[in-house]
Amino acid sequence: PELRGLSQDFEWLDTQTVTVSRYRTGEKKTWLRW
């Protein structure tokens, strides 16, 4: 993600990237989370 706009009011500490998967009633949903 583009985070440059946050610098005016926030100090950026860190970012973690996680791939999340959820299985529900035979369906798999996967998404990317920062």
Full PDB file with SEQRES, HELIX, SHEET, SSBOND, CRYST1, ORIGX, SCALE, CONECT and MASTER records, all heavy atoms in Angstrom:
SEQRES   1 A   34  PRO GLU LEU ARG GLY LEU SER GLN ASP PHE GLU TRP LEU          
SEQRES   2 A   34  ASP THR GLN THR VAL THR VAL SER ARG TYR ARG THR GLY          
SEQRES   3 A   34  GLU LYS LYS THR TRP LEU ARG TRP                              
HELIX    1 AA1 ARG A    4  GLN A    8  5                                   5    
SHEET    1 AA1 2 VAL A  18  ARG A  24  0                                        
SHEET    2 AA1 2 GLU A  27  ARG A  33 -1                                        
CRYST1    1.000    1.000    1.000  90.00  90.00  90.00 P 1           1          
ORIGX1      1.000000  0.000000  0.000000        0.00000                         
ORIGX2      0.000000  1.000000  0.000000        0.00000                         
ORIGX3      0.000000  0.000000  1.000000        0.00000                         
SCALE1      1.000000  0.000000  0.000000        0.00000                         
SCALE2      0.000000  1.000000  0.000000        0.00000                         
SCALE3      0.000000  0.000000  1.000000        0.00000                         
ATOM      1  N   PRO A   1       0.827  -1.216   0.000  1.00  0.00           N  
ATOM      2  CA  PRO A   1       0.000   0.000   0.000  1.00  0.00           C  
ATOM      3  C   PRO A   1       0.858   1.262   0.000  1.00  0.00           C  
ATOM      4  O   PRO A   1       1.985   1.260   0.485  1.00  0.00           O  
ATOM      5  CB  PRO A   1      -0.805  -0.125   1.293  1.00  0.00           C  
ATOM      6  CG  PRO A   1      -0.038  -1.054   2.150  1.00  0.00           C  
ATOM      7  CD  PRO A   1       0.715  -1.964   1.238  1.00  0.00           C  
ATOM      8  N   GLU A   2       0.286   2.325  -0.525  1.00  0.00           N  
ATOM      9  CA  GLU A   2       0.938   3.634  -0.560  1.00  0.00           C  
ATOM     10  C   GLU A   2       0.603   4.352   0.751  1.00  0.00           C  
ATOM     11  O   GLU A   2      -0.542   4.736   0.971  1.00  0.00           O  
ATOM     12  CB  GLU A   2       0.430   4.429  -1.759  1.00  0.00           C  
ATOM     13  CG  GLU A   2       0.984   5.816  -1.852  1.00  0.00           C  
ATOM     14  CD  GLU A   2       2.503   5.823  -1.936  1.00  0.00           C  
ATOM     15  OE1 GLU A   2       3.064   5.178  -2.822  1.00  0.00           O  
ATOM     16  OE2 GLU A   2       3.109   6.489  -1.077  1.00  0.00           O  
ATOM     17  N   LEU A   3       1.594   4.542   1.631  1.00  0.00           N  
ATOM     18  CA  LEU A   3       1.358   5.089   2.970  1.00  0.00           C  
ATOM     19  C   LEU A   3       1.947   6.488   3.172  1.00  0.00           C  
ATOM     20  O   LEU A   3       1.898   7.012   4.282  1.00  0.00           O  
ATOM     21  CB  LEU A   3       1.931   4.136   4.037  1.00  0.00           C  
ATOM     22  CG  LEU A   3       1.384   2.716   4.015  1.00  0.00           C  
ATOM     23  CD1 LEU A   3       2.113   1.850   5.035  1.00  0.00           C  
ATOM     24  CD2 LEU A   3      -0.116   2.719   4.292  1.00  0.00           C  
ATOM     25  N   ARG A   4       2.465   7.109   2.141  1.00  0.00           N  
ATOM     26  CA  ARG A   4       3.102   8.425   2.300  1.00  0.00           C  
ATOM     27  C   ARG A   4       2.168   9.485   2.858  1.00  0.00           C  
ATOM     28  O   ARG A   4       2.594  10.374   3.578  1.00  0.00           O  
ATOM     29  CB  ARG A   4       3.678   8.910   0.977  1.00  0.00           C  
ATOM     30  CG  ARG A   4       5.012   8.289   0.672  1.00  0.00           C  
ATOM     31  CD  ARG A   4       5.590   8.867  -0.573  1.00  0.00           C  
ATOM     32  NE  ARG A   4       4.984   8.121  -1.683  1.00  0.00           N  
ATOM     33  CZ  ARG A   4       5.134   8.403  -2.938  1.00  0.00           C  
ATOM     34  NH1 ARG A   4       5.836   9.443  -3.298  1.00  0.00           N  
ATOM     35  NH2 ARG A   4       4.565   7.673  -3.870  1.00  0.00           N  
ATOM     36  N   GLY A   5       0.896   9.414   2.544  1.00  0.00           N  
ATOM     37  CA  GLY A   5      -0.052  10.428   3.014  1.00  0.00           C  
ATOM     38  C   GLY A   5      -0.266  10.426   4.519  1.00  0.00           C  
ATOM     39  O   GLY A   5      -0.820  11.366   5.073  1.00  0.00           O  
ATOM     40  N   LEU A   6       0.181   9.384   5.206  1.00  0.00           N  
ATOM     41  CA  LEU A   6      -0.009   9.292   6.656  1.00  0.00           C  
ATOM     42  C   LEU A   6       0.997  10.131   7.441  1.00  0.00           C  
ATOM     43  O   LEU A   6       0.796  10.408   8.615  1.00  0.00           O  
ATOM     44  CB  LEU A   6       0.117   7.833   7.107  1.00  0.00           C  
ATOM     45  CG  LEU A   6      -0.958   6.885   6.591  1.00  0.00           C  
ATOM     46  CD1 LEU A   6      -0.552   5.443   6.833  1.00  0.00           C  
ATOM     47  CD2 LEU A   6      -2.286   7.182   7.246  1.00  0.00           C  
ATOM     48  N   SER A   7       2.079  10.554   6.820  1.00  0.00           N  
ATOM     49  CA  SER A   7       3.184  11.180   7.541  1.00  0.00           C  
ATOM     50  C   SER A   7       2.846  12.526   8.170  1.00  0.00           C  
ATOM     51  O   SER A   7       3.535  12.966   9.079  1.00  0.00           O  
ATOM     52  CB  SER A   7       4.392  11.326   6.633  1.00  0.00           C  
ATOM     53  OG  SER A   7       4.092  12.181   5.552  1.00  0.00           O  
ATOM     54  N   GLN A   8       1.796  13.174   7.740  1.00  0.00           N  
ATOM     55  CA  GLN A   8       1.453  14.484   8.299  1.00  0.00           C  
ATOM     56  C   GLN A   8       1.007  14.378   9.759  1.00  0.00           C  
ATOM     57  O   GLN A   8       1.388  15.197  10.576  1.00  0.00           O  
ATOM     58  CB  GLN A   8       0.360  15.143   7.460  1.00  0.00           C  
ATOM     59  CG  GLN A   8       0.000  16.518   7.957  1.00  0.00           C  
ATOM     60  CD  GLN A   8      -1.032  17.197   7.066  1.00  0.00           C  
ATOM     61  OE1 GLN A   8      -1.297  16.757   5.962  1.00  0.00           O  
ATOM     62  NE2 GLN A   8      -1.607  18.257   7.561  1.00  0.00           N  
ATOM     63  N   ASP A   9       0.193  13.395  10.094  1.00  0.00           N  
ATOM     64  CA  ASP A   9      -0.366  13.281  11.442  1.00  0.00           C  
ATOM     65  C   ASP A   9       0.053  12.025  12.193  1.00  0.00           C  
ATOM     66  O   ASP A   9      -0.311  11.851  13.354  1.00  0.00           O  
ATOM     67  CB  ASP A   9      -1.895  13.297  11.374  1.00  0.00           C  
ATOM     68  CG  ASP A   9      -2.433  14.653  10.962  1.00  0.00           C  
ATOM     69  OD1 ASP A   9      -1.839  15.671  11.360  1.00  0.00           O  
ATOM     70  OD2 ASP A   9      -3.445  14.708  10.241  1.00  0.00           O  
ATOM     71  N   PHE A  10       0.812  11.140  11.534  1.00  0.00           N  
ATOM     72  CA  PHE A  10       1.143   9.869  12.156  1.00  0.00           C  
ATOM     73  C   PHE A  10       2.608   9.525  11.937  1.00  0.00           C  
ATOM     74  O   PHE A  10       3.189   9.854  10.910  1.00  0.00           O  
ATOM     75  CB  PHE A  10       0.296   8.733  11.553  1.00  0.00           C  
ATOM     76  CG  PHE A  10      -1.174   8.939  11.739  1.00  0.00           C  
ATOM     77  CD1 PHE A  10      -1.923   9.554  10.755  1.00  0.00           C  
ATOM     78  CD2 PHE A  10      -1.813   8.515  12.892  1.00  0.00           C  
ATOM     79  CE1 PHE A  10      -3.280   9.752  10.911  1.00  0.00           C  
ATOM     80  CE2 PHE A  10      -3.167   8.712  13.056  1.00  0.00           C  
ATOM     81  CZ  PHE A  10      -3.909   9.333  12.069  1.00  0.00           C  
ATOM     82  N   GLU A  11       3.168   8.835  12.909  1.00  0.00           N  
ATOM     83  CA  GLU A  11       4.485   8.228  12.740  1.00  0.00           C  
ATOM     84  C   GLU A  11       4.253   6.769  12.372  1.00  0.00           C  
ATOM     85  O   GLU A  11       3.557   6.053  13.085  1.00  0.00           O  
ATOM     86  CB  GLU A  11       5.285   8.317  14.036  1.00  0.00           C  
ATOM     87  CG  GLU A  11       6.628   7.646  13.966  1.00  0.00           C  
ATOM     88  CD  GLU A  11       7.362   7.646  15.302  1.00  0.00           C  
ATOM     89  OE1 GLU A  11       6.976   8.391  16.214  1.00  0.00           O  
ATOM     90  OE2 GLU A  11       8.319   6.865  15.425  1.00  0.00           O  
ATOM     91  N   TRP A  12       4.812   6.330  11.252  1.00  0.00           N  
ATOM     92  CA  TRP A  12       4.667   4.948  10.832  1.00  0.00           C  
ATOM     93  C   TRP A  12       5.621   4.103  11.665  1.00  0.00           C  
ATOM     94  O   TRP A  12       6.813   4.386  11.736  1.00  0.00           O  
ATOM     95  CB  TRP A  12       4.981   4.822   9.343  1.00  0.00           C  
ATOM     96  CG  TRP A  12       5.024   3.413   8.856  1.00  0.00           C  
ATOM     97  CD1 TRP A  12       3.964   2.622   8.561  1.00  0.00           C  
ATOM     98  CD2 TRP A  12       6.178   2.622   8.604  1.00  0.00           C  
ATOM     99  NE1 TRP A  12       4.383   1.386   8.148  1.00  0.00           N  
ATOM    100  CE2 TRP A  12       5.756   1.369   8.170  1.00  0.00           C  
ATOM    101  CE3 TRP A  12       7.547   2.861   8.718  1.00  0.00           C  
ATOM    102  CZ2 TRP A  12       6.635   0.347   7.838  1.00  0.00           C  
ATOM    103  CZ3 TRP A  12       8.420   1.843   8.384  1.00  0.00           C  
ATOM    104  CH2 TRP A  12       7.952   0.609   7.952  1.00  0.00           C  
ATOM    105  N   LEU A  13       5.095   3.056  12.326  1.00  0.00           N  
ATOM    106  CA  LEU A  13       5.919   2.185  13.155  1.00  0.00           C  
ATOM    107  C   LEU A  13       6.331   0.927  12.404  1.00  0.00           C  
ATOM    108  O   LEU A  13       7.506   0.598  12.356  1.00  0.00           O  
ATOM    109  CB  LEU A  13       5.174   1.828  14.452  1.00  0.00           C  
ATOM    110  CG  LEU A  13       4.777   3.023  15.322  1.00  0.00           C  
ATOM    111  CD1 LEU A  13       3.936   2.580  16.499  1.00  0.00           C  
ATOM    112  CD2 LEU A  13       6.007   3.792  15.774  1.00  0.00           C  
ATOM    113  N   ASP A  14       5.372   0.201  11.858  1.00  0.00           N  
ATOM    114  CA  ASP A  14       5.697  -0.965  11.050  1.00  0.00           C  
ATOM    115  C   ASP A  14       4.458  -1.460  10.321  1.00  0.00           C  
ATOM    116  O   ASP A  14       3.341  -1.034  10.603  1.00  0.00           O  
ATOM    117  CB  ASP A  14       6.333  -2.096  11.864  1.00  0.00           C  
ATOM    118  CG  ASP A  14       5.413  -2.689  12.914  1.00  0.00           C  
ATOM    119  OD1 ASP A  14       4.221  -2.916  12.627  1.00  0.00           O  
ATOM    120  OD2 ASP A  14       5.874  -2.963  14.028  1.00  0.00           O  
ATOM    121  N   THR A  15       4.696  -2.357   9.375  1.00  0.00           N  
ATOM    122  CA  THR A  15       3.616  -2.986   8.621  1.00  0.00           C  
ATOM    123  C   THR A  15       3.924  -4.468   8.509  1.00  0.00           C  
ATOM    124  O   THR A  15       5.055  -4.844   8.200  1.00  0.00           O  
ATOM    125  CB  THR A  15       3.502  -2.391   7.201  1.00  0.00           C  
ATOM    126  OG1 THR A  15       3.259  -0.989   7.302  1.00  0.00           O  
ATOM    127  CG2 THR A  15       2.372  -3.041   6.413  1.00  0.00           C  
ATOM    128  N   GLN A  16       2.926  -5.292   8.787  1.00  0.00           N  
ATOM    129  CA  GLN A  16       3.051  -6.739   8.616  1.00  0.00           C  
ATOM    130  C   GLN A  16       2.073  -7.166   7.529  1.00  0.00           C  
ATOM    131  O   GLN A  16       0.956  -6.651   7.460  1.00  0.00           O  
ATOM    132  CB  GLN A  16       2.722  -7.481   9.901  1.00  0.00           C  
ATOM    133  CG  GLN A  16       3.653  -7.175  11.035  1.00  0.00           C  
ATOM    134  CD  GLN A  16       3.211  -7.838  12.326  1.00  0.00           C  
ATOM    135  OE1 GLN A  16       2.113  -8.360  12.439  1.00  0.00           O  
ATOM    136  NE2 GLN A  16       4.087  -7.815  13.308  1.00  0.00           N  
ATOM    137  N   THR A  17       2.489  -8.102   6.701  1.00  0.00           N  
ATOM    138  CA  THR A  17       1.639  -8.627   5.645  1.00  0.00           C  
ATOM    139  C   THR A  17       1.278 -10.057   5.983  1.00  0.00           C  
ATOM    140  O   THR A  17       2.150 -10.862   6.305  1.00  0.00           O  
ATOM    141  CB  THR A  17       2.364  -8.580   4.292  1.00  0.00           C  
ATOM    142  OG1 THR A  17       2.831  -7.252   4.065  1.00  0.00           O  
ATOM    143  CG2 THR A  17       1.428  -8.979   3.165  1.00  0.00           C  
ATOM    144  N   VAL A  18      -0.030 -10.362   5.931  1.00  0.00           N  
ATOM    145  CA  VAL A  18      -0.527 -11.682   6.288  1.00  0.00           C  
ATOM    146  C   VAL A  18      -1.503 -12.137   5.213  1.00  0.00           C  
ATOM    147  O   VAL A  18      -2.327 -11.356   4.735  1.00  0.00           O  
ATOM    148  CB  VAL A  18      -1.263 -11.641   7.654  1.00  0.00           C  
ATOM    149  CG1 VAL A  18      -1.771 -13.005   8.049  1.00  0.00           C  
ATOM    150  CG2 VAL A  18      -0.386 -11.043   8.733  1.00  0.00           C  
ATOM    151  N   THR A  19      -1.425 -13.402   4.823  1.00  0.00           N  
ATOM    152  CA  THR A  19      -2.430 -13.991   3.955  1.00  0.00           C  
ATOM    153  C   THR A  19      -3.403 -14.745   4.852  1.00  0.00           C  
ATOM    154  O   THR A  19      -2.986 -15.602   5.635  1.00  0.00           O  
ATOM    155  CB  THR A  19      -1.798 -14.948   2.931  1.00  0.00           C  
ATOM    156  OG1 THR A  19      -0.847 -14.208   2.152  1.00  0.00           O  
ATOM    157  CG2 THR A  19      -2.852 -15.544   2.010  1.00  0.00           C  
ATOM    158  N   VAL A  20      -4.672 -14.409   4.764  1.00  0.00           N  
ATOM    159  CA  VAL A  20      -5.696 -14.987   5.636  1.00  0.00           C  
ATOM    160  C   VAL A  20      -6.599 -15.882   4.799  1.00  0.00           C  
ATOM    161  O   VAL A  20      -7.025 -15.504   3.710  1.00  0.00           O  
ATOM    162  CB  VAL A  20      -6.540 -13.869   6.300  1.00  0.00           C  
ATOM    163  CG1 VAL A  20      -7.569 -14.459   7.246  1.00  0.00           C  
ATOM    164  CG2 VAL A  20      -5.646 -12.875   7.023  1.00  0.00           C  
ATOM    165  N   SER A  21      -6.884 -17.071   5.318  1.00  0.00           N  
ATOM    166  CA  SER A  21      -7.810 -17.992   4.652  1.00  0.00           C  
ATOM    167  C   SER A  21      -8.896 -18.396   5.628  1.00  0.00           C  
ATOM    168  O   SER A  21      -8.633 -18.596   6.812  1.00  0.00           O  
ATOM    169  CB  SER A  21      -7.085 -19.249   4.166  1.00  0.00           C  
ATOM    170  OG  SER A  21      -6.175 -18.931   3.159  1.00  0.00           O  
ATOM    171  N   ARG A  22     -10.113 -18.517   5.106  1.00  0.00           N  
ATOM    172  CA  ARG A  22     -11.245 -18.953   5.940  1.00  0.00           C  
ATOM    173  C   ARG A  22     -12.009 -20.014   5.164  1.00  0.00           C  
ATOM    174  O   ARG A  22     -12.325 -19.835   3.989  1.00  0.00           O  
ATOM    175  CB  ARG A  22     -12.144 -17.779   6.282  1.00  0.00           C  
ATOM    176  CG  ARG A  22     -13.349 -18.203   7.112  1.00  0.00           C  
ATOM    177  CD  ARG A  22     -14.199 -17.058   7.576  1.00  0.00           C  
ATOM    178  NE  ARG A  22     -14.589 -16.201   6.484  1.00  0.00           N  
ATOM    179  CZ  ARG A  22     -14.963 -14.948   6.624  1.00  0.00           C  
ATOM    180  NH1 ARG A  22     -14.993 -14.401   7.804  1.00  0.00           N  
ATOM    181  NH2 ARG A  22     -15.311 -14.228   5.577  1.00  0.00           N  
ATOM    182  N   TYR A  23     -12.277 -21.093   5.844  1.00  0.00           N  
ATOM    183  CA  TYR A  23     -13.057 -22.187   5.257  1.00  0.00           C  
ATOM    184  C   TYR A  23     -14.416 -22.202   5.938  1.00  0.00           C  
ATOM    185  O   TYR A  23     -14.512 -22.272   7.154  1.00  0.00           O  
ATOM    186  CB  TYR A  23     -12.366 -23.532   5.478  1.00  0.00           C  
ATOM    187  CG  TYR A  23     -11.019 -23.604   4.815  1.00  0.00           C  
ATOM    188  CD1 TYR A  23      -9.863 -23.233   5.489  1.00  0.00           C  
ATOM    189  CD2 TYR A  23     -10.909 -24.033   3.508  1.00  0.00           C  
ATOM    190  CE1 TYR A  23      -8.637 -23.294   4.874  1.00  0.00           C  
ATOM    191  CE2 TYR A  23      -9.668 -24.106   2.878  1.00  0.00           C  
ATOM    192  CZ  TYR A  23      -8.534 -23.733   3.576  1.00  0.00           C  
ATOM    193  OH  TYR A  23      -7.315 -23.786   2.961  1.00  0.00           O  
ATOM    194  N   ARG A  24     -15.457 -22.133   5.147  1.00  0.00           N  
ATOM    195  CA  ARG A  24     -16.807 -22.134   5.708  1.00  0.00           C  
ATOM    196  C   ARG A  24     -17.714 -22.889   4.746  1.00  0.00           C  
ATOM    197  O   ARG A  24     -17.818 -22.537   3.585  1.00  0.00           O  
ATOM    198  CB  ARG A  24     -17.286 -20.699   5.893  1.00  0.00           C  
ATOM    199  CG  ARG A  24     -18.577 -20.605   6.676  1.00  0.00           C  
ATOM    200  CD  ARG A  24     -19.045 -19.181   6.837  1.00  0.00           C  
ATOM    201  NE  ARG A  24     -18.246 -18.514   7.863  1.00  0.00           N  
ATOM    202  CZ  ARG A  24     -18.328 -17.241   8.135  1.00  0.00           C  
ATOM    203  NH1 ARG A  24     -19.136 -16.462   7.446  1.00  0.00           N  
ATOM    204  NH2 ARG A  24     -17.598 -16.703   9.074  1.00  0.00           N  
ATOM    205  N   THR A  25     -18.368 -23.902   5.255  1.00  0.00           N  
ATOM    206  CA  THR A  25     -19.306 -24.735   4.486  1.00  0.00           C  
ATOM    207  C   THR A  25     -18.776 -25.090   3.104  1.00  0.00           C  
ATOM    208  O   THR A  25     -19.429 -24.869   2.090  1.00  0.00           O  
ATOM    209  CB  THR A  25     -20.684 -24.059   4.360  1.00  0.00           C  
ATOM    210  OG1 THR A  25     -20.536 -22.805   3.671  1.00  0.00           O  
ATOM    211  CG2 THR A  25     -21.342 -23.853   5.690  1.00  0.00           C  
ATOM    212  N   GLY A  26     -17.566 -25.637   3.091  1.00  0.00           N  
ATOM    213  CA  GLY A  26     -17.001 -26.104   1.840  1.00  0.00           C  
ATOM    214  C   GLY A  26     -16.403 -25.038   0.941  1.00  0.00           C  
ATOM    215  O   GLY A  26     -15.871 -25.343  -0.109  1.00  0.00           O  
ATOM    216  N   GLU A  27     -16.489 -23.769   1.330  1.00  0.00           N  
ATOM    217  CA  GLU A  27     -15.925 -22.687   0.523  1.00  0.00           C  
ATOM    218  C   GLU A  27     -14.670 -22.151   1.183  1.00  0.00           C  
ATOM    219  O   GLU A  27     -14.601 -22.020   2.396  1.00  0.00           O  
ATOM    220  CB  GLU A  27     -16.927 -21.540   0.379  1.00  0.00           C  
ATOM    221  CG  GLU A  27     -18.024 -21.809  -0.614  1.00  0.00           C  
ATOM    222  CD  GLU A  27     -18.850 -20.555  -0.837  1.00  0.00           C  
ATOM    223  OE1 GLU A  27     -18.262 -19.488  -1.099  1.00  0.00           O  
ATOM    224  OE2 GLU A  27     -20.070 -20.654  -0.743  1.00  0.00           O  
ATOM    225  N   LYS A  28     -13.700 -21.831   0.366  1.00  0.00           N  
ATOM    226  CA  LYS A  28     -12.461 -21.236   0.856  1.00  0.00           C  
ATOM    227  C   LYS A  28     -12.397 -19.790   0.379  1.00  0.00           C  
ATOM    228  O   LYS A  28     -12.594 -19.514  -0.797  1.00  0.00           O  
ATOM    229  CB  LYS A  28     -11.252 -21.999   0.343  1.00  0.00           C  
ATOM    230  CG  LYS A  28      -9.932 -21.392   0.760  1.00  0.00           C  
ATOM    231  CD  LYS A  28      -8.762 -22.157   0.152  1.00  0.00           C  
ATOM    232  CE  LYS A  28      -7.465 -21.460   0.485  1.00  0.00           C  
ATOM    233  NZ  LYS A  28      -6.336 -22.094  -0.191  1.00  0.00           N  
ATOM    234  N   LYS A  29     -12.145 -18.881   1.313  1.00  0.00           N  
ATOM    235  CA  LYS A  29     -11.966 -17.471   0.973  1.00  0.00           C  
ATOM    236  C   LYS A  29     -10.583 -17.063   1.469  1.00  0.00           C  
ATOM    237  O   LYS A  29     -10.220 -17.325   2.603  1.00  0.00           O  
ATOM    238  CB  LYS A  29     -13.041 -16.610   1.633  1.00  0.00           C  
ATOM    239  CG  LYS A  29     -12.907 -15.146   1.286  1.00  0.00           C  
ATOM    240  CD  LYS A  29     -13.987 -14.303   1.899  1.00  0.00           C  
ATOM    241  CE  LYS A  29     -13.754 -12.851   1.531  1.00  0.00           C  
ATOM    242  NZ  LYS A  29     -14.641 -11.956   2.222  1.00  0.00           N  
ATOM    243  N   THR A  30      -9.802 -16.444   0.598  1.00  0.00           N  
ATOM    244  CA  THR A  30      -8.445 -16.021   0.941  1.00  0.00           C  
ATOM    245  C   THR A  30      -8.296 -14.545   0.595  1.00  0.00           C  
ATOM    246  O   THR A  30      -8.775 -14.096  -0.435  1.00  0.00           O  
ATOM    247  CB  THR A  30      -7.408 -16.858   0.166  1.00  0.00           C  
ATOM    248  OG1 THR A  30      -7.641 -18.239   0.440  1.00  0.00           O  
ATOM    249  CG2 THR A  30      -6.002 -16.511   0.579  1.00  0.00           C  
ATOM    250  N   TRP A  31      -7.634 -13.810   1.470  1.00  0.00           N  
ATOM    251  CA  TRP A  31      -7.386 -12.403   1.211  1.00  0.00           C  
ATOM    252  C   TRP A  31      -6.055 -11.995   1.825  1.00  0.00           C  
ATOM    253  O   TRP A  31      -5.469 -12.716   2.623  1.00  0.00           O  
ATOM    254  CB  TRP A  31      -8.539 -11.524   1.700  1.00  0.00           C  
ATOM    255  CG  TRP A  31      -8.776 -11.521   3.176  1.00  0.00           C  
ATOM    256  CD1 TRP A  31      -8.306 -10.624   4.088  1.00  0.00           C  
ATOM    257  CD2 TRP A  31      -9.571 -12.453   3.923  1.00  0.00           C  
ATOM    258  NE1 TRP A  31      -8.746 -10.936   5.341  1.00  0.00           N  
ATOM    259  CE2 TRP A  31      -9.527 -12.047   5.273  1.00  0.00           C  
ATOM    260  CE3 TRP A  31     -10.305 -13.578   3.593  1.00  0.00           C  
ATOM    261  CZ2 TRP A  31     -10.185 -12.742   6.282  1.00  0.00           C  
ATOM    262  CZ3 TRP A  31     -10.960 -14.263   4.603  1.00  0.00           C  
ATOM    263  CH2 TRP A  31     -10.901 -13.842   5.922  1.00  0.00           C  
ATOM    264  N   LEU A  32      -5.573 -10.842   1.422  1.00  0.00           N  
ATOM    265  CA  LEU A  32      -4.314 -10.289   1.871  1.00  0.00           C  
ATOM    266  C   LEU A  32      -4.611  -9.179   2.871  1.00  0.00           C  
ATOM    267  O   LEU A  32      -5.451  -8.318   2.616  1.00  0.00           O  
ATOM    268  CB  LEU A  32      -3.555  -9.735   0.660  1.00  0.00           C  
ATOM    269  CG  LEU A  32      -2.105  -9.352   0.823  1.00  0.00           C  
ATOM    270  CD1 LEU A  32      -1.269 -10.533   1.274  1.00  0.00           C  
ATOM    271  CD2 LEU A  32      -1.562  -8.824  -0.503  1.00  0.00           C  
ATOM    272  N   ARG A  33      -3.927  -9.218   4.022  1.00  0.00           N  
ATOM    273  CA  ARG A  33      -4.139  -8.202   5.066  1.00  0.00           C  
ATOM    274  C   ARG A  33      -2.796  -7.571   5.419  1.00  0.00           C  
ATOM    275  O   ARG A  33      -1.821  -8.252   5.651  1.00  0.00           O  
ATOM    276  CB  ARG A  33      -4.726  -8.836   6.319  1.00  0.00           C  
ATOM    277  CG  ARG A  33      -4.818  -7.851   7.497  1.00  0.00           C  
ATOM    278  CD  ARG A  33      -5.271  -8.516   8.769  1.00  0.00           C  
ATOM    279  NE  ARG A  33      -6.667  -8.895   8.639  1.00  0.00           N  
ATOM    280  CZ  ARG A  33      -7.287  -9.727   9.484  1.00  0.00           C  
ATOM    281  NH1 ARG A  33      -6.638 -10.259  10.482  1.00  0.00           N  
ATOM    282  NH2 ARG A  33      -8.552 -10.019   9.304  1.00  0.00           N  
ATOM    283  N   TRP A  34      -2.809  -6.247   5.448  1.00  0.00           N  
ATOM    284  CA  TRP A  34      -1.674  -5.505   5.983  1.00  0.00           C  
ATOM    285  C   TRP A  34      -2.090  -4.986   7.348  1.00  0.00           C  
ATOM    286  O   TRP A  34      -3.135  -4.342   7.486  1.00  0.00           O  
ATOM    287  CB  TRP A  34      -1.305  -4.329   5.089  1.00  0.00           C  
ATOM    288  CG  TRP A  34      -0.702  -4.725   3.791  1.00  0.00           C  
ATOM    289  CD1 TRP A  34       0.603  -5.045   3.545  1.00  0.00           C  
ATOM    290  CD2 TRP A  34      -1.376  -4.829   2.540  1.00  0.00           C  
ATOM    291  NE1 TRP A  34       0.766  -5.355   2.225  1.00  0.00           N  
ATOM    292  CE2 TRP A  34      -0.433  -5.235   1.589  1.00  0.00           C  
ATOM    293  CE3 TRP A  34      -2.703  -4.645   2.134  1.00  0.00           C  
ATOM    294  CZ2 TRP A  34      -0.751  -5.441   0.252  1.00  0.00           C  
ATOM    295  CZ3 TRP A  34      -3.028  -4.857   0.812  1.00  0.00           C  
ATOM    296  CH2 TRP A  34      -2.058  -5.246  -0.109  1.00  0.00           C  
TER     297      TRP A  34                                                      
MASTER        0    0    0    1    2    0    0    6  296    1    0    3          
END                                                                             
